[in-house]
Amino acid sequence: MKVLLWNNVRFAFIPVETFSGVPSYPEEECARICGELNKIIELCSFRPKAGDVYYHSVTFDRGKFIVMDNQAAFDDCPYPACADHDSCQKVCDMMNCVLEGK
């Protein structure tokens, strides 16, 4: 079984070996889900500068992706960034639909 994990070096979701307490999927299904999620995060086109507040969709809580705010420490940020809460919520909603199989 594999789990979805955000990898900020690859700037993508990747399948990794499962560990307890995290929803897991068969390897092929996990790879498919990661591929779909990676296509969705390409919609996050905001590029914050150092000091800017931005929103990202890669926080997973209670079985779903949620909006999380962050402040860019450098001109590159480790997460796909949205400029506002509402646009990030739309990305989270699309990502959650993938998890629900819709």
PDB file of N, CA and C in Angstrom:
ATOM      1  N   MET A   1       0.843  -1.178   0.000  1.00  0.00           N
ATOM      2  CA  MET A   1       0.000   0.000   0.000  1.00  0.00           C
ATOM      3  C   MET A   1       0.890   1.244   0.000  1.00  0.00           C
ATOM      4  N   LYS A   2       0.388   2.280  -0.644  1.00  0.00           N
ATOM      5  CA  LYS A   2       1.123   3.539  -0.758  1.00  0.00           C
ATOM      6  C   LYS A   2       0.261   4.685  -0.232  1.00  0.00           C
ATOM      7  N   VAL A   3       0.927   5.763   0.166  1.00  0.00           N
ATOM      8  CA  VAL A   3       0.242   6.976   0.591  1.00  0.00           C
ATOM      9  C   VAL A   3       0.682   8.131  -0.298  1.00  0.00           C
ATOM     10  N   LEU A   4      -0.132   9.176  -0.323  1.00  0.00           N
ATOM     11  CA  LEU A   4       0.191  10.391  -1.062  1.00  0.00           C
ATOM     12  C   LEU A   4       1.079  11.258  -0.188  1.00  0.00           C
ATOM     13  N   LEU A   5       2.157  11.756  -0.745  1.00  0.00           N
ATOM     14  CA  LEU A   5       3.049  12.613   0.025  1.00  0.00           C
ATOM     15  C   LEU A   5       3.488  13.775  -0.850  1.00  0.00           C
ATOM     16  N   TRP A   6       3.426  14.997  -0.298  1.00  0.00           N
ATOM     17  CA  TRP A   6       3.917  16.168  -1.026  1.00  0.00           C
ATOM     18  C   TRP A   6       5.435  16.192  -0.911  1.00  0.00           C
ATOM     19  N   ASN A   7       6.107  16.315  -2.046  1.00  0.00           N
ATOM     20  CA  ASN A   7       7.568  16.384  -2.078  1.00  0.00           C
ATOM     21  C   ASN A   7       7.944  17.754  -2.611  1.00  0.00           C
ATOM     22  N   ASN A   8       8.447  18.641  -1.738  1.00  0.00           N
ATOM     23  CA  ASN A   8       8.721  20.005  -2.183  1.00  0.00           C
ATOM     24  C   ASN A   8       9.982  20.104  -3.036  1.00  0.00           C
ATOM     25  N   VAL A   9      10.816  19.071  -3.072  1.00  0.00           N
ATOM     26  CA  VAL A   9      11.968  19.067  -3.975  1.00  0.00           C
ATOM     27  C   VAL A   9      11.498  18.798  -5.403  1.00  0.00           C
ATOM     28  N   ARG A  10      10.640  17.808  -5.545  1.00  0.00           N
ATOM     29  CA  ARG A  10      10.067  17.502  -6.870  1.00  0.00           C
ATOM     30  C   ARG A  10       8.906  18.432  -7.210  1.00  0.00           C
ATOM     31  N   PHE A  11       8.388  19.143  -6.222  1.00  0.00           N
ATOM     32  CA  PHE A  11       7.222  20.015  -6.349  1.00  0.00           C
ATOM     33  C   PHE A  11       6.045  19.228  -6.931  1.00  0.00           C
ATOM     34  N   ALA A  12       5.786  18.069  -6.311  1.00  0.00           N
ATOM     35  CA  ALA A  12       4.738  17.173  -6.797  1.00  0.00           C
ATOM     36  C   ALA A  12       4.324  16.214  -5.683  1.00  0.00           C
ATOM     37  N   PHE A  13       3.136  15.632  -5.853  1.00  0.00           N
ATOM     38  CA  PHE A  13       2.723  14.534  -4.995  1.00  0.00           C
ATOM     39  C   PHE A  13       3.395  13.274  -5.512  1.00  0.00           C
ATOM     40  N   ILE A  14       3.856  12.434  -4.601  1.00  0.00           N
ATOM     41  CA  ILE A  14       4.488  11.177  -4.981  1.00  0.00           C
ATOM     42  C   ILE A  14       3.919  10.060  -4.112  1.00  0.00           C
ATOM     43  N   PRO A  15       3.870   8.832  -4.636  1.00  0.00           N
ATOM     44  CA  PRO A  15       3.452   7.699  -3.804  1.00  0.00           C
ATOM     45  C   PRO A  15       4.642   7.182  -2.988  1.00  0.00           C
ATOM     46  N   VAL A  16       4.432   6.948  -1.710  1.00  0.00           N
ATOM     47  CA  VAL A  16       5.482   6.404  -0.841  1.00  0.00           C
ATOM     48  C   VAL A  16       4.900   5.266  -0.006  1.00  0.00           C
ATOM     49  N   GLU A  17       5.785   4.479   0.578  1.00  0.00           N
ATOM     50  CA  GLU A  17       5.340   3.368   1.413  1.00  0.00           C
ATOM     51  C   GLU A  17       4.449   3.881   2.535  1.00  0.00           C
ATOM     52  N   THR A  18       3.459   3.090   2.876  1.00  0.00           N
ATOM     53  CA  THR A  18       2.478   3.481   3.873  1.00  0.00           C
ATOM     54  C   THR A  18       3.049   3.493   5.290  1.00  0.00           C
ATOM     55  N   PHE A  19       2.486   4.339   6.105  1.00  0.00           N
ATOM     56  CA  PHE A  19       2.760   4.323   7.531  1.00  0.00           C
ATOM     57  C   PHE A  19       1.432   4.497   8.240  1.00  0.00           C
ATOM     58  N   SER A  20       1.344   4.107   9.481  1.00  0.00           N
ATOM     59  CA  SER A  20       0.065   4.035  10.182  1.00  0.00           C
ATOM     60  C   SER A  20      -0.606   5.396  10.318  1.00  0.00           C
ATOM     61  N   GLY A  21      -1.928   5.358  10.353  1.00  0.00           N
ATOM     62  CA  GLY A  21      -2.709   6.555  10.591  1.00  0.00           C
ATOM     63  C   GLY A  21      -2.982   7.419   9.378  1.00  0.00           C
ATOM     64  N   VAL A  22      -2.529   6.998   8.210  1.00  0.00           N
ATOM     65  CA  VAL A  22      -2.711   7.783   6.995  1.00  0.00           C
ATOM     66  C   VAL A  22      -3.448   6.926   5.973  1.00  0.00           C
ATOM     67  N   PRO A  23      -4.469   7.484   5.299  1.00  0.00           N
ATOM     68  CA  PRO A  23      -5.164   6.690   4.276  1.00  0.00           C
ATOM     69  C   PRO A  23      -4.183   6.203   3.214  1.00  0.00           C
ATOM     70  N   SER A  24      -4.304   4.925   2.828  1.00  0.00           N
ATOM     71  CA  SER A  24      -3.392   4.361   1.838  1.00  0.00           C
ATOM     72  C   SER A  24      -4.175   3.742   0.689  1.00  0.00           C
ATOM     73  N   TYR A  25      -3.480   3.536  -0.426  1.00  0.00           N
ATOM     74  CA  TYR A  25      -4.084   3.038  -1.649  1.00  0.00           C
ATOM     75  C   TYR A  25      -3.173   1.987  -2.260  1.00  0.00           C
ATOM     76  N   PRO A  26      -3.739   1.083  -3.068  1.00  0.00           N
ATOM     77  CA  PRO A  26      -2.873   0.181  -3.832  1.00  0.00           C
ATOM     78  C   PRO A  26      -1.923   1.009  -4.703  1.00  0.00           C
ATOM     79  N   GLU A  27      -0.753   0.463  -5.016  1.00  0.00           N
ATOM     80  CA  GLU A  27       0.300   1.227  -5.680  1.00  0.00           C
ATOM     81  C   GLU A  27      -0.156   1.894  -6.979  1.00  0.00           C
ATOM     82  N   GLU A  28      -0.831   1.166  -7.857  1.00  0.00           N
ATOM     83  CA  GLU A  28      -1.263   1.756  -9.135  1.00  0.00           C
ATOM     84  C   GLU A  28      -2.287   2.858  -8.920  1.00  0.00           C
ATOM     85  N   GLU A  29      -3.212   2.640  -7.991  1.00  0.00           N
ATOM     86  CA  GLU A  29      -4.230   3.650  -7.687  1.00  0.00           C
ATOM     87  C   GLU A  29      -3.576   4.904  -7.108  1.00  0.00           C
ATOM     88  N   CYS A  30      -2.612   4.724  -6.230  1.00  0.00           N
ATOM     89  CA  CYS A  30      -1.914   5.860  -5.628  1.00  0.00           C
ATOM     90  C   CYS A  30      -1.167   6.658  -6.701  1.00  0.00           C
ATOM     91  N   ALA A  31      -0.512   5.976  -7.625  1.00  0.00           N
ATOM     92  CA  ALA A  31       0.199   6.664  -8.710  1.00  0.00           C
ATOM     93  C   ALA A  31      -0.779   7.449  -9.581  1.00  0.00           C
ATOM     94  N   ARG A  32      -1.961   6.875  -9.852  1.00  0.00           N
ATOM     95  CA  ARG A  32      -2.978   7.565 -10.656  1.00  0.00           C
ATOM     96  C   ARG A  32      -3.473   8.815  -9.924  1.00  0.00           C
ATOM     97  N   ILE A  33      -3.767   8.674  -8.633  1.00  0.00           N
ATOM     98  CA  ILE A  33      -4.244   9.812  -7.842  1.00  0.00           C
ATOM     99  C   ILE A  33      -3.185  10.908  -7.804  1.00  0.00           C
ATOM    100  N   CYS A  34      -1.931  10.540  -7.580  1.00  0.00           N
ATOM    101  CA  CYS A  34      -0.846  11.533  -7.562  1.00  0.00           C
ATOM    102  C   CYS A  34      -0.789  12.278  -8.889  1.00  0.00           C
ATOM    103  N   GLY A  35      -0.924  11.549  -9.999  1.00  0.00           N
ATOM    104  CA  GLY A  35      -0.909  12.184 -11.318  1.00  0.00           C
ATOM    105  C   GLY A  35      -2.025  13.197 -11.479  1.00  0.00           C
ATOM    106  N   GLU A  36      -3.235  12.827 -11.036  1.00  0.00           N
ATOM    107  CA  GLU A  36      -4.370  13.748 -11.140  1.00  0.00           C
ATOM    108  C   GLU A  36      -4.179  14.967 -10.239  1.00  0.00           C
ATOM    109  N   LEU A  37      -3.698  14.749  -9.026  1.00  0.00           N
ATOM    110  CA  LEU A  37      -3.465  15.871  -8.113  1.00  0.00           C
ATOM    111  C   LEU A  37      -2.397  16.810  -8.663  1.00  0.00           C
ATOM    112  N   ASN A  38      -1.363  16.252  -9.271  1.00  0.00           N
ATOM    113  CA  ASN A  38      -0.292  17.080  -9.835  1.00  0.00           C
ATOM    114  C   ASN A  38      -0.793  17.936 -10.993  1.00  0.00           C
ATOM    115  N   LYS A  39      -1.762  17.426 -11.762  1.00  0.00           N
ATOM    116  CA  LYS A  39      -2.358  18.244 -12.834  1.00  0.00           C
ATOM    117  C   LYS A  39      -3.155  19.404 -12.237  1.00  0.00           C
ATOM    118  N   ILE A  40      -3.867  19.131 -11.156  1.00  0.00           N
ATOM    119  CA  ILE A  40      -4.685  20.171 -10.524  1.00  0.00           C
ATOM    120  C   ILE A  40      -3.809  21.269  -9.928  1.00  0.00           C
ATOM    121  N   ILE A  41      -2.721  20.899  -9.268  1.00  0.00           N
ATOM    122  CA  ILE A  41      -1.905  21.937  -8.624  1.00  0.00           C
ATOM    123  C   ILE A  41      -1.217  22.848  -9.632  1.00  0.00           C
ATOM    124  N   GLU A  42      -1.183  22.436 -10.895  1.00  0.00           N
ATOM    125  CA  GLU A  42      -0.644  23.324 -11.925  1.00  0.00           C
ATOM    126  C   GLU A  42      -1.501  24.579 -12.080  1.00  0.00           C
ATOM    127  N   LEU A  43      -2.745  24.531 -11.574  1.00  0.00           N
ATOM    128  CA  LEU A  43      -3.626  25.701 -11.611  1.00  0.00           C
ATOM    129  C   LEU A  43      -3.154  26.786 -10.639  1.00  0.00           C
ATOM    130  N   CYS A  44      -2.309  26.423  -9.704  1.00  0.00           N
ATOM    131  CA  CYS A  44      -1.802  27.365  -8.704  1.00  0.00           C
ATOM    132  C   CYS A  44      -0.635  28.135  -9.312  1.00  0.00           C
ATOM    133  N   SER A  45      -0.940  29.266  -9.909  1.00  0.00           N
ATOM    134  CA  SER A  45       0.078  29.991 -10.678  1.00  0.00           C
ATOM    135  C   SER A  45       0.654  31.206  -9.947  1.00  0.00           C
ATOM    136  N   PHE A  46       0.174  31.485  -8.743  1.00  0.00           N
ATOM    137  CA  PHE A  46       0.680  32.632  -7.993  1.00  0.00           C
ATOM    138  C   PHE A  46       2.126  32.378  -7.582  1.00  0.00           C
ATOM    139  N   ARG A  47       2.975  33.362  -7.768  1.00  0.00           N
ATOM    140  CA  ARG A  47       4.391  33.252  -7.400  1.00  0.00           C
ATOM    141  C   ARG A  47       4.720  34.330  -6.359  1.00  0.00           C
ATOM    142  N   PRO A  48       4.578  33.986  -5.072  1.00  0.00           N
ATOM    143  CA  PRO A  48       4.825  34.988  -4.035  1.00  0.00           C
ATOM    144  C   PRO A  48       6.297  35.370  -3.942  1.00  0.00           C
ATOM    145  N   LYS A  49       6.516  36.594  -3.561  1.00  0.00           N
ATOM    146  CA  LYS A  49       7.868  37.088  -3.278  1.00  0.00           C
ATOM    147  C   LYS A  49       8.135  36.907  -1.777  1.00  0.00           C
ATOM    148  N   ALA A  50       9.372  36.986  -1.384  1.00  0.00           N
ATOM    149  CA  ALA A  50       9.723  36.854   0.032  1.00  0.00           C
ATOM    150  C   ALA A  50       8.895  37.835   0.864  1.00  0.00           C
ATOM    151  N   GLY A  51       8.261  37.324   1.910  1.00  0.00           N
ATOM    152  CA  GLY A  51       7.438  38.140   2.792  1.00  0.00           C
ATOM    153  C   GLY A  51       5.959  38.118   2.460  1.00  0.00           C
ATOM    154  N   ASP A  52       5.588  37.710   1.240  1.00  0.00           N
ATOM    155  CA  ASP A  52       4.173  37.651   0.852  1.00  0.00           C
ATOM    156  C   ASP A  52       3.460  36.511   1.577  1.00  0.00           C
ATOM    157  N   VAL A  53       2.201  36.743   1.913  1.00  0.00           N
ATOM    158  CA  VAL A  53       1.344  35.683   2.427  1.00  0.00           C
ATOM    159  C   VAL A  53       0.663  35.036   1.228  1.00  0.00           C
ATOM    160  N   TYR A  54       0.592  33.706   1.245  1.00  0.00           N
ATOM    161  CA  TYR A  54      -0.077  32.972   0.172  1.00  0.00           C
ATOM    162  C   TYR A  54      -0.846  31.812   0.785  1.00  0.00           C
ATOM    163  N   TYR A  55      -1.623  31.142  -0.025  1.00  0.00           N
ATOM    164  CA  TYR A  55      -2.427  30.007   0.411  1.00  0.00           C
ATOM    165  C   TYR A  55      -2.012  28.789  -0.397  1.00  0.00           C
ATOM    166  N   HIS A  56      -2.005  27.620   0.266  1.00  0.00           N
ATOM    167  CA  HIS A  56      -1.676  26.394  -0.462  1.00  0.00           C
ATOM    168  C   HIS A  56      -2.654  25.288  -0.096  1.00  0.00           C
ATOM    169  N   SER A  57      -2.702  24.286  -0.968  1.00  0.00           N
ATOM    170  CA  SER A  57      -3.718  23.239  -0.865  1.00  0.00           C
ATOM    171  C   SER A  57      -3.144  21.875  -0.508  1.00  0.00           C
ATOM    172  N   VAL A  58      -1.922  21.781  -0.024  1.00  0.00           N
ATOM    173  CA  VAL A  58      -1.330  20.463   0.207  1.00  0.00           C
ATOM    174  C   VAL A  58      -1.393  19.998   1.664  1.00  0.00           C
ATOM    175  N   THR A  59      -2.144  20.709   2.503  1.00  0.00           N
ATOM    176  CA  THR A  59      -2.342  20.251   3.877  1.00  0.00           C
ATOM    177  C   THR A  59      -3.494  19.257   3.897  1.00  0.00           C
ATOM    178  N   PHE A  60      -3.244  18.085   4.476  1.00  0.00           N
ATOM    179  CA  PHE A  60      -4.227  17.004   4.526  1.00  0.00           C
ATOM    180  C   PHE A  60      -4.651  16.824   5.976  1.00  0.00           C
ATOM    181  N   ASP A  61      -5.941  17.018   6.250  1.00  0.00           N
ATOM    182  CA  ASP A  61      -6.444  16.936   7.613  1.00  0.00           C
ATOM    183  C   ASP A  61      -7.787  16.224   7.627  1.00  0.00           C
ATOM    184  N   ARG A  62      -7.898  15.205   8.461  1.00  0.00           N
ATOM    185  CA  ARG A  62      -9.156  14.459   8.629  1.00  0.00           C
ATOM    186  C   ARG A  62      -9.700  13.940   7.306  1.00  0.00           C
ATOM    187  N   GLY A  63      -8.809  13.443   6.474  1.00  0.00           N
ATOM    188  CA  GLY A  63      -9.225  12.784   5.243  1.00  0.00           C
ATOM    189  C   GLY A  63      -9.487  13.684   4.062  1.00  0.00           C
ATOM    190  N   LYS A  64      -9.129  14.967   4.165  1.00  0.00           N
ATOM    191  CA  LYS A  64      -9.337  15.841   3.012  1.00  0.00           C
ATOM    192  C   LYS A  64      -8.277  16.939   2.977  1.00  0.00           C
ATOM    193  N   PHE A  65      -8.115  17.530   1.800  1.00  0.00           N
ATOM    194  CA  PHE A  65      -7.203  18.656   1.631  1.00  0.00           C
ATOM    195  C   PHE A  65      -7.891  19.928   2.097  1.00  0.00           C
ATOM    196  N   ILE A  66      -7.159  20.745   2.834  1.00  0.00           N
ATOM    197  CA  ILE A  66      -7.707  22.001   3.346  1.00  0.00           C
ATOM    198  C   ILE A  66      -6.781  23.157   2.979  1.00  0.00           C
ATOM    199  N   VAL A  67      -7.348  24.349   2.975  1.00  0.00           N
ATOM    200  CA  VAL A  67      -6.584  25.564   2.694  1.00  0.00           C
ATOM    201  C   VAL A  67      -5.710  25.891   3.902  1.00  0.00           C
ATOM    202  N   MET A  68      -4.466  26.218   3.624  1.00  0.00           N
ATOM    203  CA  MET A  68      -3.542  26.632   4.678  1.00  0.00           C
ATOM    204  C   MET A  68      -2.820  27.887   4.206  1.00  0.00           C
ATOM    205  N   ASP A  69      -2.680  28.850   5.101  1.00  0.00           N
ATOM    206  CA  ASP A  69      -1.925  30.047   4.730  1.00  0.00           C
ATOM    207  C   ASP A  69      -0.467  29.882   5.151  1.00  0.00           C
ATOM    208  N   ASN A  70       0.385  30.607   4.480  1.00  0.00           N
ATOM    209  CA  ASN A  70       1.815  30.530   4.746  1.00  0.00           C
ATOM    210  C   ASN A  70       2.443  31.850   4.320  1.00  0.00           C
ATOM    211  N   GLN A  71       3.625  32.114   4.804  1.00  0.00           N
ATOM    212  CA  GLN A  71       4.356  33.307   4.381  1.00  0.00           C
ATOM    213  C   GLN A  71       5.635  32.862   3.695  1.00  0.00           C
ATOM    214  N   ALA A  72       5.860  33.400   2.517  1.00  0.00           N
ATOM    215  CA  ALA A  72       7.047  33.033   1.751  1.00  0.00           C
ATOM    216  C   ALA A  72       8.293  33.575   2.437  1.00  0.00           C
ATOM    217  N   ALA A  73       9.226  32.685   2.721  1.00  0.00           N
ATOM    218  CA  ALA A  73      10.486  33.100   3.337  1.00  0.00           C
ATOM    219  C   ALA A  73      11.488  33.545   2.278  1.00  0.00           C
ATOM    220  N   PHE A  74      11.342  33.000   1.089  1.00  0.00           N
ATOM    221  CA  PHE A  74      12.233  33.318  -0.029  1.00  0.00           C
ATOM    222  C   PHE A  74      11.367  33.599  -1.245  1.00  0.00           C
ATOM    223  N   ASP A  75      11.972  33.937  -2.364  1.00  0.00           N
ATOM    224  CA  ASP A  75      11.190  34.165  -3.574  1.00  0.00           C
ATOM    225  C   ASP A  75      10.630  32.865  -4.146  1.00  0.00           C
ATOM    226  N   ASP A  76      11.147  31.721  -3.726  1.00  0.00           N
ATOM    227  CA  ASP A  76      10.562  30.431  -4.080  1.00  0.00           C
ATOM    228  C   ASP A  76       9.849  29.902  -2.851  1.00  0.00           C
ATOM    229  N   CYS A  77       8.684  29.300  -3.041  1.00  0.00           N
ATOM    230  CA  CYS A  77       7.986  28.718  -1.902  1.00  0.00           C
ATOM    231  C   CYS A  77       7.879  27.206  -2.113  1.00  0.00           C
ATOM    232  N   PRO A  78       7.777  26.434  -1.034  1.00  0.00           N
ATOM    233  CA  PRO A  78       7.786  24.979  -1.149  1.00  0.00           C
ATOM    234  C   PRO A  78       6.447  24.360  -1.531  1.00  0.00           C
ATOM    235  N   TYR A  79       5.419  25.178  -1.691  1.00  0.00           N
ATOM    236  CA  TYR A  79       4.087  24.661  -1.994  1.00  0.00           C
ATOM    237  C   TYR A  79       3.499  25.377  -3.202  1.00  0.00           C
ATOM    238  N   PRO A  80       2.556  24.723  -3.900  1.00  0.00           N
ATOM    239  CA  PRO A  80       1.853  25.425  -4.977  1.00  0.00           C
ATOM    240  C   PRO A  80       1.020  26.544  -4.363  1.00  0.00           C
ATOM    241  N   ALA A  81       1.178  27.755  -4.850  1.00  0.00           N
ATOM    242  CA  ALA A  81       0.613  28.925  -4.181  1.00  0.00           C
ATOM    243  C   ALA A  81      -0.593  29.504  -4.910  1.00  0.00           C
ATOM    244  N   CYS A  82      -1.562  29.942  -4.107  1.00  0.00           N
ATOM    245  CA  CYS A  82      -2.714  30.697  -4.593  1.00  0.00           C
ATOM    246  C   CYS A  82      -2.680  32.060  -3.896  1.00  0.00           C
ATOM    247  N   ALA A  83      -3.169  33.077  -4.586  1.00  0.00           N
ATOM    248  CA  ALA A  83      -3.126  34.436  -4.050  1.00  0.00           C
ATOM    249  C   ALA A  83      -4.198  34.691  -2.992  1.00  0.00           C
ATOM    250  N   ASP A  84      -5.304  33.939  -3.052  1.00  0.00           N
ATOM    251  CA  ASP A  84      -6.383  34.195  -2.100  1.00  0.00           C
ATOM    252  C   ASP A  84      -7.028  32.889  -1.643  1.00  0.00           C
ATOM    253  N   HIS A  85      -7.743  32.985  -0.534  1.00  0.00           N
ATOM    254  CA  HIS A  85      -8.373  31.821   0.089  1.00  0.00           C
ATOM    255  C   HIS A  85      -9.376  31.152  -0.844  1.00  0.00           C
ATOM    256  N   ASP A  86     -10.221  31.942  -1.513  1.00  0.00           N
ATOM    257  CA  ASP A  86     -11.279  31.374  -2.349  1.00  0.00           C
ATOM    258  C   ASP A  86     -10.736  30.549  -3.506  1.00  0.00           C
ATOM    259  N   SER A  87      -9.716  31.056  -4.200  1.00  0.00           N
ATOM    260  CA  SER A  87      -9.173  30.282  -5.319  1.00  0.00           C
ATOM    261  C   SER A  87      -8.486  29.018  -4.805  1.00  0.00           C
ATOM    262  N   CYS A  88      -7.867  29.088  -3.644  1.00  0.00           N
ATOM    263  CA  CYS A  88      -7.241  27.902  -3.068  1.00  0.00           C
ATOM    264  C   CYS A  88      -8.301  26.881  -2.643  1.00  0.00           C
ATOM    265  N   GLN A  89      -9.428  27.361  -2.132  1.00  0.00           N
ATOM    266  CA  GLN A  89     -10.509  26.452  -1.747  1.00  0.00           C
ATOM    267  C   GLN A  89     -11.025  25.694  -2.961  1.00  0.00           C
ATOM    268  N   LYS A  90     -11.110  26.353  -4.106  1.00  0.00           N
ATOM    269  CA  LYS A  90     -11.540  25.675  -5.335  1.00  0.00           C
ATOM    270  C   LYS A  90     -10.568  24.565  -5.709  1.00  0.00           C
ATOM    271  N   VAL A  91      -9.271  24.823  -5.557  1.00  0.00           N
ATOM    272  CA  VAL A  91      -8.260  23.797  -5.834  1.00  0.00           C
ATOM    273  C   VAL A  91      -8.429  22.632  -4.857  1.00  0.00           C
ATOM    274  N   CYS A  92      -8.609  22.932  -3.577  1.00  0.00           N
ATOM    275  CA  CYS A  92      -8.831  21.877  -2.580  1.00  0.00           C
ATOM    276  C   CYS A  92     -10.070  21.051  -2.920  1.00  0.00           C
ATOM    277  N   ASP A  93     -11.139  21.720  -3.332  1.00  0.00           N
ATOM    278  CA  ASP A  93     -12.370  21.009  -3.685  1.00  0.00           C
ATOM    279  C   ASP A  93     -12.128  20.039  -4.835  1.00  0.00           C
ATOM    280  N   MET A  94     -11.386  20.472  -5.854  1.00  0.00           N
ATOM    281  CA  MET A  94     -11.071  19.586  -6.982  1.00  0.00           C
ATOM    282  C   MET A  94     -10.208  18.414  -6.518  1.00  0.00           C
ATOM    283  N   MET A  95      -9.246  18.686  -5.662  1.00  0.00           N
ATOM    284  CA  MET A  95      -8.372  17.620  -5.162  1.00  0.00           C
ATOM    285  C   MET A  95      -9.158  16.619  -4.319  1.00  0.00           C
ATOM    286  N   ASN A  96     -10.087  17.109  -3.516  1.00  0.00           N
ATOM    287  CA  ASN A  96     -10.908  16.216  -2.702  1.00  0.00           C
ATOM    288  C   ASN A  96     -11.832  15.365  -3.560  1.00  0.00           C
ATOM    289  N   CYS A  97     -12.298  15.908  -4.680  1.00  0.00           N
ATOM    290  CA  CYS A  97     -13.108  15.112  -5.611  1.00  0.00           C
ATOM    291  C   CYS A  97     -12.301  13.946  -6.168  1.00  0.00           C
ATOM    292  N   VAL A  98     -11.022  14.167  -6.442  1.00  0.00           N
ATOM    293  CA  VAL A  98     -10.158  13.079  -6.914  1.00  0.00           C
ATOM    294  C   VAL A  98     -10.091  11.982  -5.854  1.00  0.00           C
ATOM    295  N   LEU A  99      -9.915  12.368  -4.600  1.00  0.00           N
ATOM    296  CA  LEU A  99      -9.847  11.372  -3.528  1.00  0.00           C
ATOM    297  C   LEU A  99     -11.154  10.614  -3.368  1.00  0.00           C
ATOM    298  N   GLU A 100     -12.266  11.300  -3.634  1.00  0.00           N
ATOM    299  CA  GLU A 100     -13.582  10.674  -3.509  1.00  0.00           C
ATOM    300  C   GLU A 100     -13.938   9.846  -4.735  1.00  0.00           C
ATOM    301  N   GLY A 101     -13.097   9.887  -5.760  1.00  0.00           N
ATOM    302  CA  GLY A 101     -13.349   9.105  -6.969  1.00  0.00           C
ATOM    303  C   GLY A 101     -14.359   9.718  -7.901  1.00  0.00           C
ATOM    304  N   LYS A 102     -14.567  11.030  -7.812  1.00  0.00           N
ATOM    305  CA  LYS A 102     -15.548  11.717  -8.668  1.00  0.00           C
ATOM    306  C   LYS A 102     -14.886  12.268  -9.894  1.00  0.00           C
TER     307      LYS A 102
END
